[in-house]
Amino acid sequence: MAWLQTHWIAVALLAVYGALLVRHAIEGRRGTKGRADYYVGGRSMGGVVLGLSFFATYSSTNSFVGFSGQAYTYGAPWLLLAPAVVVFSLSAWIWVAPRLRAFTGAVDSVTLADYVGFRFESRAARVLAAVIVIFASFLYMIAVFKGIGNLLEIFLDIPYKGAIGFVFIVVVLYTAVGGFISVVKTDAVQGIVMSIAAILLFWGTLNSAGGLGAIDAIRAAPDTSGLFRWDAAMPFPVLIGIIVAGTLKFIVDPRQLSRFYALADPQAVRRGLIVSTIAFLGVYTLLLPIGLYAHAVIGSGLAESDLVVPTLLGDAGILPALPAAFILVAMLAAAMSSLDSVLLVMASTWERDVISLFRPQADEGRAVAHTRFWVALFAIITAWLALNPPGSIVTLTAFSGGLYAACFFPAVVLGLLWRRGTGTGAVASLVTGFTVLLCWDLVPFSDAVHEVFPAMALSLAAYVACGLAAPPLAAARRLDIKL
């Protein structure tokens, strides 16, 4: 009872939010008639809702807890993430979205792995792509679970394991029941909630720090002056690699790309571009400096940057009870907006590109039922792994993004733009990107360059070399589809 008296505002907001999730789950179930509805919303959704979903899917607790606090240790160079987010998001909407929507609609593709398989007419490339998607998704989900677990543990005094269990139950229920339609509608609301929360969090931190001018004192202090060098925490090329790995996901991450599959028409593409760009520019401009200003509020004694935002929210002197509770709900929304998407990607990829490939399922209703089961199973596995996470939020997120960038950039981008790509080239690029990313640390002086750069370069080289070595294939006629 004492706990409820202390946290009743947050509990009330969570109850309202939970009711909204139930409504969206019911609407999603009613709107799901077959596999395409459950996986990609029947390819008939509007640009505003998908633009907000595109923003919310990327902006998980990895952004609100990990990215917001990272400048605490990485320093001012970390602020370069904001323009990178905007540039790569725009690139995805301008160059990838219209082409991918046209191509996947024409060949009835509903996952990234089956796009690879259909584009290159290669079962091996399809299965390999599916395995990489599932592996990278596991890493990302662990990071999200860790972020929300830390937040609820500090702010609501809920044990870390209990926090993960709570989020697991809620996300599995509405994702399994409502599918893509439920996920996107919920994400749209979550995007609005997170935008408001970013304003509140920046305002509270800035007020407690003493205003915008507090940055001058932080720069002048002996223990924090080093945060304003280009190599504040690591060699600058390594930092750029982390940023690139985290933002290239817009172009190659199946969670983000699935929003393009669902676009109804070209007008939806334009609306989605505008909405997502405004959201990214505004929110990340507010979030990324928080780690720097936190030095003026909580000092420089935190051992881990992932604890910066939870520590700020746990201090009643920084934010009043209502704004702090609202931000907590936004953090939970941020976690769910990524967990639901990645769960659906993992489950649909496993069912569509592994199970059904070797054991075809003609009954779409049964395929959807199987996918719902995989949603629950994959959530159980990742929640268990998150109890003892193998790295920090930013590290796990960047490595997951690096896998997508190194492995899928050639197949997705060049696959849509260059006719000479082959199945052999797709397999070679997937294997090369994965291998180099995992083994780069074994190379002498590898710490001077982030692994995503050599992995992408060699993956691209393998793809192009195989394409040039082979004669033009009849499969390339697929690109004659009007894009």
Protein backbone atom coordinates (compact mmCIF):
# COMPACT_ATOMS: atom_id res chain seq x y z
CA MET A 1 0.00 0.00 0.00
CA ALA A 2 2.85 2.40 0.79
CA TRP A 3 4.34 1.67 -2.64
CA LEU A 4 1.01 2.51 -4.33
CA GLN A 5 0.69 5.76 -2.39
CA THR A 6 4.14 6.76 -3.60
CA HIS A 7 3.69 5.80 -7.24
CA TRP A 8 -0.06 6.20 -7.80
CA ILE A 9 0.34 8.78 -10.57
CA ALA A 10 2.54 6.48 -12.63
CA VAL A 11 0.19 3.55 -11.98
CA ALA A 12 -2.82 5.59 -13.13
CA LEU A 13 -1.07 6.67 -16.33
CA LEU A 14 0.02 3.10 -17.00
CA ALA A 15 -3.58 1.92 -16.55
CA VAL A 16 -4.80 4.42 -19.16
CA TYR A 17 -2.00 3.37 -21.47
CA GLY A 18 -2.83 -0.29 -20.93
CA ALA A 19 -6.46 0.31 -21.90
CA LEU A 20 -5.24 1.88 -25.14
CA LEU A 21 -3.11 -1.19 -25.87
CA VAL A 22 -6.11 -3.47 -25.39
CA ARG A 23 -8.16 -1.37 -27.81
CA HIS A 24 -5.46 -1.47 -30.49
CA ALA A 25 -5.00 -5.22 -30.04
CA ILE A 26 -8.72 -5.78 -30.61
CA GLU A 27 -8.73 -3.50 -33.67
CA GLY A 28 -5.69 -5.28 -35.04
CA ARG A 29 -7.26 -8.71 -34.62
CA ARG A 30 -10.44 -7.57 -36.37
CA GLY A 31 -8.43 -6.13 -39.25
CA THR A 32 -6.33 -9.26 -39.74
CA LYS A 33 -7.76 -11.56 -42.41
CA GLY A 34 -4.56 -13.19 -43.64
CA ARG A 35 -0.78 -13.30 -43.55
CA ALA A 36 -0.25 -9.96 -45.36
CA ASP A 37 -2.51 -8.20 -42.84
CA TYR A 38 -0.70 -9.72 -39.86
CA TYR A 39 2.80 -9.09 -41.24
CA VAL A 40 2.48 -5.73 -43.09
CA GLY A 41 -0.99 -4.32 -42.46
CA GLY A 42 -2.36 -5.39 -45.83
CA ARG A 43 -0.12 -2.80 -47.58
CA SER A 44 -2.85 -0.19 -47.09
CA MET A 45 -1.80 2.08 -44.22
CA GLY A 46 -1.45 5.88 -44.24
CA GLY A 47 1.72 7.96 -44.19
CA VAL A 48 1.08 9.86 -40.96
CA VAL A 49 0.60 6.77 -38.82
CA LEU A 50 3.52 4.99 -40.51
CA GLY A 51 5.77 8.06 -40.20
CA LEU A 52 5.10 8.18 -36.45
CA SER A 53 5.60 4.42 -36.23
CA PHE A 54 8.89 4.69 -38.15
CA PHE A 55 10.07 7.26 -35.60
CA ALA A 56 8.79 5.39 -32.55
CA THR A 57 10.21 2.04 -33.66
CA TYR A 58 13.72 3.50 -33.82
CA SER A 59 13.36 5.65 -30.69
CA SER A 60 13.18 2.94 -28.06
CA THR A 61 14.67 3.04 -24.57
CA ASN A 62 17.95 2.68 -26.43
CA SER A 63 17.39 6.32 -27.40
CA PHE A 64 15.75 7.64 -24.25
CA VAL A 65 17.99 5.83 -21.79
CA GLY A 66 21.07 4.89 -23.82
CA PHE A 67 21.50 7.65 -26.39
CA SER A 68 20.30 10.43 -24.05
CA GLY A 69 22.87 9.58 -21.42
CA GLN A 70 25.74 8.62 -23.70
CA ALA A 71 27.19 12.16 -23.94
CA TYR A 72 27.90 11.78 -20.21
CA THR A 73 30.91 9.65 -21.19
CA TYR A 74 31.30 10.19 -24.95
CA GLY A 75 31.16 13.98 -24.68
CA ALA A 76 30.13 16.64 -27.18
CA PRO A 77 31.06 14.61 -30.31
CA TRP A 78 28.09 12.36 -29.50
CA LEU A 79 25.80 15.24 -30.55
CA LEU A 80 26.68 14.42 -34.17
CA LEU A 81 24.16 11.60 -33.87
CA ALA A 82 21.28 14.10 -34.33
CA PRO A 83 22.13 15.18 -37.90
CA ALA A 84 23.08 11.59 -38.75
CA VAL A 85 19.63 10.37 -37.67
CA VAL A 86 17.90 12.97 -39.84
CA VAL A 87 20.11 12.35 -42.90
CA PHE A 88 19.79 8.56 -42.87
CA SER A 89 16.05 8.69 -42.15
CA LEU A 90 15.52 11.03 -45.11
CA SER A 91 17.68 8.79 -47.30
CA ALA A 92 15.53 5.79 -46.44
CA TRP A 93 12.27 7.57 -47.24
CA ILE A 94 13.53 9.18 -50.46
CA TRP A 95 15.51 6.37 -52.10
CA VAL A 96 14.42 3.12 -50.49
CA ALA A 97 10.74 3.48 -49.55
CA PRO A 98 9.12 3.97 -52.98
CA ARG A 99 11.25 1.34 -54.72
CA LEU A 100 10.93 -1.24 -51.95
CA ARG A 101 7.16 -0.76 -51.71
CA ALA A 102 6.71 -1.27 -55.46
CA PHE A 103 9.00 -4.28 -55.65
CA THR A 104 7.71 -6.12 -52.58
CA GLY A 105 4.10 -5.51 -53.57
CA ALA A 106 4.72 -6.93 -57.04
CA VAL A 107 6.37 -10.14 -55.80
CA ASP A 108 4.24 -10.53 -52.62
CA SER A 109 7.19 -10.10 -50.27
CA VAL A 110 6.37 -9.50 -46.59
CA THR A 111 9.78 -9.87 -44.88
CA LEU A 112 13.31 -8.65 -45.56
CA ALA A 113 14.56 -12.21 -45.95
CA ASP A 114 11.95 -13.14 -48.56
CA TYR A 115 12.74 -9.91 -50.43
CA VAL A 116 16.36 -11.11 -50.64
CA GLY A 117 15.19 -14.54 -51.78
CA PHE A 118 12.76 -13.22 -54.41
CA ARG A 119 15.09 -10.53 -55.73
CA PHE A 120 17.99 -12.92 -56.28
CA GLU A 121 15.97 -16.14 -56.71
CA SER A 122 18.14 -17.80 -54.08
CA ARG A 123 16.88 -20.01 -51.28
CA ALA A 124 20.33 -20.01 -49.66
CA ALA A 125 20.40 -16.20 -49.55
CA ARG A 126 16.89 -16.15 -48.11
CA VAL A 127 17.63 -18.59 -45.28
CA LEU A 128 20.97 -16.95 -44.46
CA ALA A 129 19.31 -13.53 -44.38
CA ALA A 130 16.66 -14.92 -42.02
CA VAL A 131 19.29 -16.29 -39.62
CA ILE A 132 21.12 -12.94 -39.50
CA VAL A 133 17.87 -11.03 -38.94
CA ILE A 134 16.93 -13.25 -36.01
CA PHE A 135 20.42 -13.09 -34.44
CA ALA A 136 20.63 -9.29 -34.70
CA SER A 137 17.09 -8.97 -33.36
CA PHE A 138 18.00 -10.97 -30.26
CA LEU A 139 20.81 -8.51 -29.48
CA TYR A 140 18.56 -5.51 -29.97
CA MET A 141 15.79 -6.90 -27.78
CA ILE A 142 18.23 -7.61 -24.96
CA ALA A 143 19.31 -3.96 -25.09
CA VAL A 144 15.71 -2.74 -24.94
CA PHE A 145 14.84 -5.03 -22.04
CA LYS A 146 17.92 -3.82 -20.16
CA GLY A 147 16.96 -0.19 -20.66
CA ILE A 148 13.43 -0.50 -19.37
CA GLY A 149 14.54 -2.81 -16.55
CA ASN A 150 17.03 -0.22 -15.29
CA LEU A 151 14.43 2.53 -15.51
CA LEU A 152 11.64 0.74 -13.64
CA GLU A 153 14.06 -0.56 -11.02
CA ILE A 154 15.31 2.92 -10.15
CA PHE A 155 12.16 4.95 -10.65
CA LEU A 156 9.40 2.62 -9.41
CA ASP A 157 11.45 0.43 -7.06
CA ILE A 158 10.46 -2.64 -9.08
CA PRO A 159 13.12 -5.38 -9.08
CA TYR A 160 14.97 -5.64 -12.40
CA LYS A 161 13.64 -9.14 -13.09
CA GLY A 162 10.09 -8.11 -12.22
CA ALA A 163 10.29 -5.11 -14.56
CA ILE A 164 11.40 -7.31 -17.45
CA GLY A 165 8.61 -9.78 -16.69
CA PHE A 166 5.97 -7.03 -16.67
CA VAL A 167 7.07 -5.58 -20.01
CA PHE A 168 7.33 -9.07 -21.50
CA ILE A 169 3.73 -9.97 -20.65
CA VAL A 170 2.22 -6.73 -21.95
CA VAL A 171 4.15 -6.66 -25.23
CA VAL A 172 3.59 -10.31 -26.05
CA LEU A 173 -0.16 -10.04 -25.51
CA TYR A 174 -0.90 -7.09 -27.76
CA THR A 175 1.68 -8.03 -30.41
CA ALA A 176 0.54 -11.63 -30.73
CA VAL A 177 -3.14 -10.72 -30.77
CA GLY A 178 -3.16 -7.65 -33.03
CA GLY A 179 -0.17 -8.14 -35.32
CA PHE A 180 1.18 -5.35 -37.53
CA ILE A 181 -1.97 -3.21 -37.42
CA SER A 182 -1.98 -3.17 -33.62
CA VAL A 183 1.76 -2.51 -33.52
CA VAL A 184 1.64 0.47 -35.90
CA LYS A 185 -1.39 2.12 -34.28
CA THR A 186 0.20 1.75 -30.85
CA ASP A 187 3.52 3.05 -32.18
CA ALA A 188 1.83 6.19 -33.53
CA VAL A 189 0.49 7.04 -30.08
CA GLN A 190 3.82 6.13 -28.53
CA GLY A 191 5.59 8.50 -30.93
CA ILE A 192 3.46 11.42 -29.74
CA VAL A 193 3.96 10.47 -26.09
CA MET A 194 7.73 10.22 -26.55
CA SER A 195 7.90 13.62 -28.26
CA ILE A 196 6.20 15.26 -25.29
CA ALA A 197 8.46 13.35 -22.90
CA ALA A 198 11.59 14.58 -24.68
CA ILE A 199 10.48 18.17 -24.12
CA LEU A 200 9.80 17.52 -20.43
CA LEU A 201 13.07 15.67 -19.83
CA PHE A 202 15.17 18.35 -21.53
CA TRP A 203 13.33 21.13 -19.69
CA GLY A 204 13.77 19.47 -16.28
CA THR A 205 17.45 18.70 -16.82
CA LEU A 206 18.20 22.17 -18.17
CA ASN A 207 16.44 23.91 -15.28
CA SER A 208 18.32 21.85 -12.71
CA ALA A 209 21.64 22.46 -14.47
CA GLY A 210 21.14 26.23 -14.42
CA GLY A 211 20.08 26.89 -18.01
CA LEU A 212 21.78 26.63 -21.39
CA GLY A 213 24.78 28.58 -20.10
CA ALA A 214 25.68 25.74 -17.72
CA ILE A 215 27.55 24.14 -20.60
CA ASP A 216 30.30 26.77 -20.20
CA ALA A 217 30.94 25.70 -16.60
CA ILE A 218 31.00 22.05 -17.63
CA ARG A 219 33.54 22.82 -20.36
CA ALA A 220 35.72 24.76 -17.90
CA ALA A 221 35.67 22.16 -15.10
CA PRO A 222 38.90 20.09 -14.97
CA ASP A 223 37.12 16.73 -14.68
CA THR A 224 34.77 17.36 -17.64
CA SER A 225 36.75 19.60 -19.99
CA GLY A 226 37.98 16.54 -21.88
CA LEU A 227 34.41 15.80 -22.99
CA PHE A 228 34.70 18.61 -25.54
CA ARG A 229 37.56 17.08 -27.54
CA TRP A 230 36.95 15.13 -30.75
CA ASP A 231 38.55 12.09 -29.10
CA ALA A 232 36.76 12.55 -25.78
CA ALA A 233 36.17 8.84 -25.15
CA MET A 234 37.70 7.05 -28.14
CA PRO A 235 39.34 7.73 -31.50
CA PHE A 236 37.00 9.89 -33.59
CA PRO A 237 36.74 7.34 -36.46
CA VAL A 238 35.50 4.74 -33.97
CA LEU A 239 32.84 7.13 -32.69
CA ILE A 240 31.71 7.86 -36.24
CA GLY A 241 31.50 4.11 -36.78
CA ILE A 242 29.20 3.73 -33.79
CA ILE A 243 26.99 6.55 -35.10
CA VAL A 244 26.91 5.09 -38.62
CA ALA A 245 26.13 1.61 -37.31
CA GLY A 246 23.26 3.02 -35.27
CA THR A 247 21.76 5.11 -38.09
CA LEU A 248 22.28 2.95 -41.18
CA LYS A 249 19.55 0.81 -39.65
CA PHE A 250 17.04 3.17 -41.24
CA ILE A 251 18.02 1.77 -44.64
CA VAL A 252 18.55 -1.90 -43.79
CA ASP A 253 16.80 -2.77 -40.50
CA PRO A 254 13.77 -5.01 -41.19
CA ARG A 255 11.79 -3.29 -38.43
CA GLN A 256 12.13 0.05 -40.19
CA LEU A 257 11.74 -1.36 -43.70
CA SER A 258 8.51 -3.16 -42.80
CA ARG A 259 6.86 0.27 -42.53
CA PHE A 260 7.63 0.81 -46.21
CA TYR A 261 6.00 -2.51 -47.13
CA ALA A 262 2.75 -1.24 -45.57
CA LEU A 263 2.53 2.14 -47.38
CA ALA A 264 -0.74 2.53 -49.27
CA ASP A 265 0.38 4.85 -52.10
CA PRO A 266 2.97 7.50 -53.14
CA GLN A 267 1.13 10.18 -51.15
CA ALA A 268 1.64 8.07 -48.03
CA VAL A 269 5.39 8.05 -48.73
CA ARG A 270 5.50 11.85 -48.81
CA ARG A 271 3.47 12.23 -45.64
CA GLY A 272 5.55 9.65 -43.81
CA LEU A 273 8.76 11.42 -44.83
CA ILE A 274 7.55 14.77 -43.47
CA VAL A 275 6.18 13.41 -40.19
CA SER A 276 9.18 11.23 -39.35
CA THR A 277 11.71 13.96 -40.22
CA ILE A 278 10.04 16.52 -37.96
CA ALA A 279 9.88 13.99 -35.12
CA PHE A 280 13.52 12.92 -35.41
CA LEU A 281 14.88 16.45 -35.73
CA GLY A 282 12.94 17.79 -32.76
CA VAL A 283 13.31 14.88 -30.36
CA TYR A 284 16.99 14.08 -30.91
CA THR A 285 18.00 17.74 -30.70
CA LEU A 286 16.49 17.71 -27.21
CA LEU A 287 17.64 14.28 -26.02
CA LEU A 288 21.31 14.09 -26.97
CA PRO A 289 22.65 17.03 -24.87
CA ILE A 290 21.09 15.63 -21.69
CA GLY A 291 24.14 13.50 -20.87
CA LEU A 292 26.38 16.59 -20.97
CA TYR A 293 24.10 18.74 -18.82
CA ALA A 294 23.73 15.86 -16.35
CA HIS A 295 27.26 16.59 -15.10
CA ALA A 296 25.94 19.87 -13.65
CA VAL A 297 23.04 18.06 -11.97
CA ILE A 298 24.29 14.71 -10.66
CA GLY A 299 28.05 15.19 -10.84
CA SER A 300 30.55 12.95 -12.58
CA GLY A 301 30.43 9.91 -10.33
CA LEU A 302 28.19 7.55 -12.31
CA ALA A 303 30.00 4.45 -13.50
CA GLU A 304 27.67 3.79 -16.45
CA SER A 305 25.99 6.24 -18.82
CA ASP A 306 22.92 3.96 -19.02
CA LEU A 307 22.08 5.13 -15.48
CA VAL A 308 22.03 8.86 -16.27
CA VAL A 309 18.38 9.21 -17.26
CA PRO A 310 17.02 6.83 -14.58
CA THR A 311 19.00 8.79 -11.98
CA LEU A 312 17.59 12.10 -13.23
CA LEU A 313 14.04 10.76 -13.11
CA GLY A 314 14.54 9.37 -9.62
CA ASP A 315 15.40 12.81 -8.21
CA ALA A 316 12.24 14.68 -7.15
CA GLY A 317 14.15 17.95 -7.25
CA ILE A 318 14.62 17.71 -11.02
CA LEU A 319 11.08 16.95 -12.17
CA PRO A 320 7.72 17.23 -10.34
CA ALA A 321 5.78 14.02 -9.80
CA LEU A 322 3.38 14.33 -12.76
CA PRO A 323 5.97 15.12 -15.47
CA ALA A 324 8.28 12.44 -14.06
CA ALA A 325 5.48 9.87 -14.14
CA PHE A 326 4.57 10.88 -17.68
CA ILE A 327 8.18 10.43 -18.78
CA LEU A 328 8.23 7.00 -17.16
CA VAL A 329 5.20 5.98 -19.21
CA ALA A 330 6.95 7.40 -22.28
CA MET A 331 10.01 5.26 -21.52
CA LEU A 332 7.79 2.22 -21.26
CA ALA A 333 6.16 3.25 -24.54
CA ALA A 334 9.61 3.62 -26.08
CA ALA A 335 10.52 0.09 -25.06
CA MET A 336 7.28 -1.37 -26.30
CA SER A 337 7.42 0.46 -29.63
CA SER A 338 10.65 -1.37 -30.42
CA LEU A 339 9.94 -4.67 -28.73
CA ASP A 340 6.65 -5.17 -30.55
CA SER A 341 8.22 -4.45 -33.93
CA VAL A 342 11.28 -6.62 -33.47
CA LEU A 343 9.20 -9.47 -32.07
CA LEU A 344 6.94 -9.39 -35.10
CA VAL A 345 9.96 -9.29 -37.42
CA MET A 346 11.60 -12.26 -35.69
CA ALA A 347 8.44 -14.35 -35.60
CA SER A 348 7.35 -13.59 -39.17
CA THR A 349 10.87 -14.21 -40.50
CA TRP A 350 11.15 -17.54 -38.71
CA GLU A 351 7.72 -18.72 -39.87
CA ARG A 352 7.86 -17.31 -43.41
CA ASP A 353 11.52 -17.81 -44.33
CA VAL A 354 12.59 -20.87 -42.37
CA ILE A 355 9.67 -23.05 -41.27
CA SER A 356 7.36 -22.47 -44.27
CA LEU A 357 10.24 -22.70 -46.72
CA PHE A 358 10.93 -26.30 -45.74
CA ARG A 359 7.38 -27.18 -44.66
CA PRO A 360 5.00 -25.11 -46.81
CA GLN A 361 1.80 -23.97 -45.13
CA ALA A 362 -1.08 -23.30 -47.53
CA ASP A 363 -3.53 -22.32 -44.78
CA GLU A 364 -2.86 -18.64 -44.01
CA GLY A 365 -4.87 -18.80 -40.80
CA ARG A 366 -2.64 -21.56 -39.49
CA ALA A 367 0.48 -19.63 -40.56
CA VAL A 368 -0.72 -16.61 -38.57
CA ALA A 369 -1.41 -18.83 -35.54
CA HIS A 370 2.10 -20.27 -35.77
CA THR A 371 3.55 -16.76 -35.97
CA ARG A 372 1.72 -15.79 -32.79
CA PHE A 373 3.34 -18.75 -31.05
CA TRP A 374 6.80 -17.69 -32.25
CA VAL A 375 6.17 -14.17 -30.90
CA ALA A 376 5.73 -15.61 -27.41
CA LEU A 377 8.65 -18.04 -27.66
CA PHE A 378 11.19 -15.48 -28.90
CA ALA A 379 10.07 -13.03 -26.22
CA ILE A 380 10.67 -15.65 -23.52
CA ILE A 381 14.19 -16.35 -24.79
CA THR A 382 15.26 -12.71 -25.06
CA ALA A 383 13.74 -11.76 -21.70
CA TRP A 384 15.72 -14.58 -20.08
CA LEU A 385 18.95 -13.45 -21.78
CA ALA A 386 18.30 -9.87 -20.63
CA LEU A 387 18.49 -10.98 -16.99
CA ASN A 388 22.29 -11.03 -17.45
CA PRO A 389 22.91 -8.80 -20.49
CA PRO A 390 26.29 -9.17 -22.22
CA GLY A 391 26.91 -5.45 -22.78
CA SER A 392 25.69 -1.87 -22.47
CA ILE A 393 22.61 -0.57 -24.26
CA VAL A 394 24.56 1.46 -26.82
CA THR A 395 27.06 -1.38 -27.43
CA LEU A 396 24.34 -3.94 -28.13
CA THR A 397 22.34 -1.50 -30.26
CA ALA A 398 25.35 -0.45 -32.32
CA PHE A 399 26.45 -4.06 -32.90
CA SER A 400 22.96 -5.05 -33.98
CA GLY A 401 22.85 -2.08 -36.34
CA GLY A 402 26.33 -2.91 -37.58
CA LEU A 403 25.18 -6.41 -38.52
CA TYR A 404 22.31 -5.05 -40.57
CA ALA A 405 24.53 -2.44 -42.25
CA ALA A 406 27.38 -4.81 -43.08
CA CYS A 407 25.19 -7.68 -44.22
CA PHE A 408 22.18 -6.10 -45.91
CA PHE A 409 23.29 -2.79 -47.42
CA PRO A 410 24.37 -4.41 -50.73
CA ALA A 411 21.31 -6.64 -51.05
CA VAL A 412 18.79 -3.94 -50.11
CA VAL A 413 20.22 -0.79 -51.69
CA LEU A 414 22.16 -2.18 -54.65
CA GLY A 415 19.52 -4.85 -55.04
CA LEU A 416 16.98 -2.13 -55.81
CA LEU A 417 19.28 0.08 -57.90
CA TRP A 418 21.70 -2.24 -59.75
CA ARG A 419 20.60 -4.97 -62.14
CA ARG A 420 23.75 -7.07 -61.98
CA GLY A 421 23.31 -8.41 -58.47
CA THR A 422 23.24 -12.22 -58.22
CA GLY A 423 22.28 -14.84 -55.68
CA THR A 424 25.92 -15.76 -55.27
CA GLY A 425 26.76 -12.12 -54.67
CA ALA A 426 24.01 -11.80 -52.08
CA VAL A 427 25.26 -14.85 -50.17
CA ALA A 428 28.87 -13.65 -50.43
CA SER A 429 27.98 -10.19 -49.09
CA LEU A 430 26.00 -11.65 -46.18
CA VAL A 431 28.79 -14.04 -45.19
CA THR A 432 31.55 -11.46 -45.65
CA GLY A 433 29.79 -8.72 -43.70
CA PHE A 434 28.93 -11.05 -40.81
CA THR A 435 32.42 -12.58 -40.63
CA VAL A 436 34.36 -9.31 -40.80
CA LEU A 437 32.15 -7.65 -38.20
CA LEU A 438 32.66 -10.52 -35.75
CA CYS A 439 36.39 -10.97 -36.36
CA TRP A 440 37.60 -7.40 -36.84
CA ASP A 441 38.94 -7.18 -33.28
CA LEU A 442 41.49 -9.89 -34.17
CA VAL A 443 43.13 -7.62 -36.77
CA PRO A 444 46.19 -5.61 -35.57
CA PHE A 445 45.41 -1.95 -34.80
CA SER A 446 41.71 -2.63 -35.34
CA ASP A 447 40.76 -0.32 -32.47
CA ALA A 448 41.54 2.71 -34.68
CA VAL A 449 38.60 2.00 -37.01
CA HIS A 450 35.09 0.87 -36.12
CA GLU A 451 34.34 -2.59 -37.47
CA VAL A 452 31.29 -1.44 -39.45
CA PHE A 453 33.47 0.35 -42.04
CA PRO A 454 35.67 -2.59 -43.14
CA ALA A 455 32.71 -4.96 -42.86
CA MET A 456 30.56 -2.81 -45.16
CA ALA A 457 33.40 -2.16 -47.60
CA LEU A 458 34.29 -5.84 -47.99
CA SER A 459 30.63 -6.87 -48.12
CA LEU A 460 30.02 -4.38 -50.94
CA ALA A 461 33.17 -5.54 -52.72
CA ALA A 462 32.05 -9.18 -52.57
CA TYR A 463 28.59 -8.32 -53.90
CA VAL A 464 29.87 -6.17 -56.78
CA ALA A 465 32.66 -8.61 -57.72
CA CYS A 466 30.23 -11.52 -57.99
CA GLY A 467 27.81 -9.41 -60.01
CA LEU A 468 30.47 -8.28 -62.48
CA ALA A 469 31.88 -11.79 -62.84
CA ALA A 470 28.53 -13.30 -63.85
CA PRO A 471 26.51 -12.63 -67.02
CA PRO A 472 23.33 -10.57 -66.60
CA LEU A 473 20.60 -12.82 -65.25
CA ALA A 474 17.01 -13.12 -66.34
CA ALA A 475 16.12 -12.49 -62.70
CA ALA A 476 17.30 -8.91 -63.15
CA ARG A 477 14.17 -8.32 -65.22
CA ARG A 478 12.39 -8.03 -61.88
CA LEU A 479 13.83 -4.52 -61.63
CA ASP A 480 11.84 -3.53 -64.72
CA ILE A 481 8.93 -3.11 -62.32
CA LYS A 482 8.04 0.60 -62.25
CA LEU A 483 9.60 1.91 -59.06
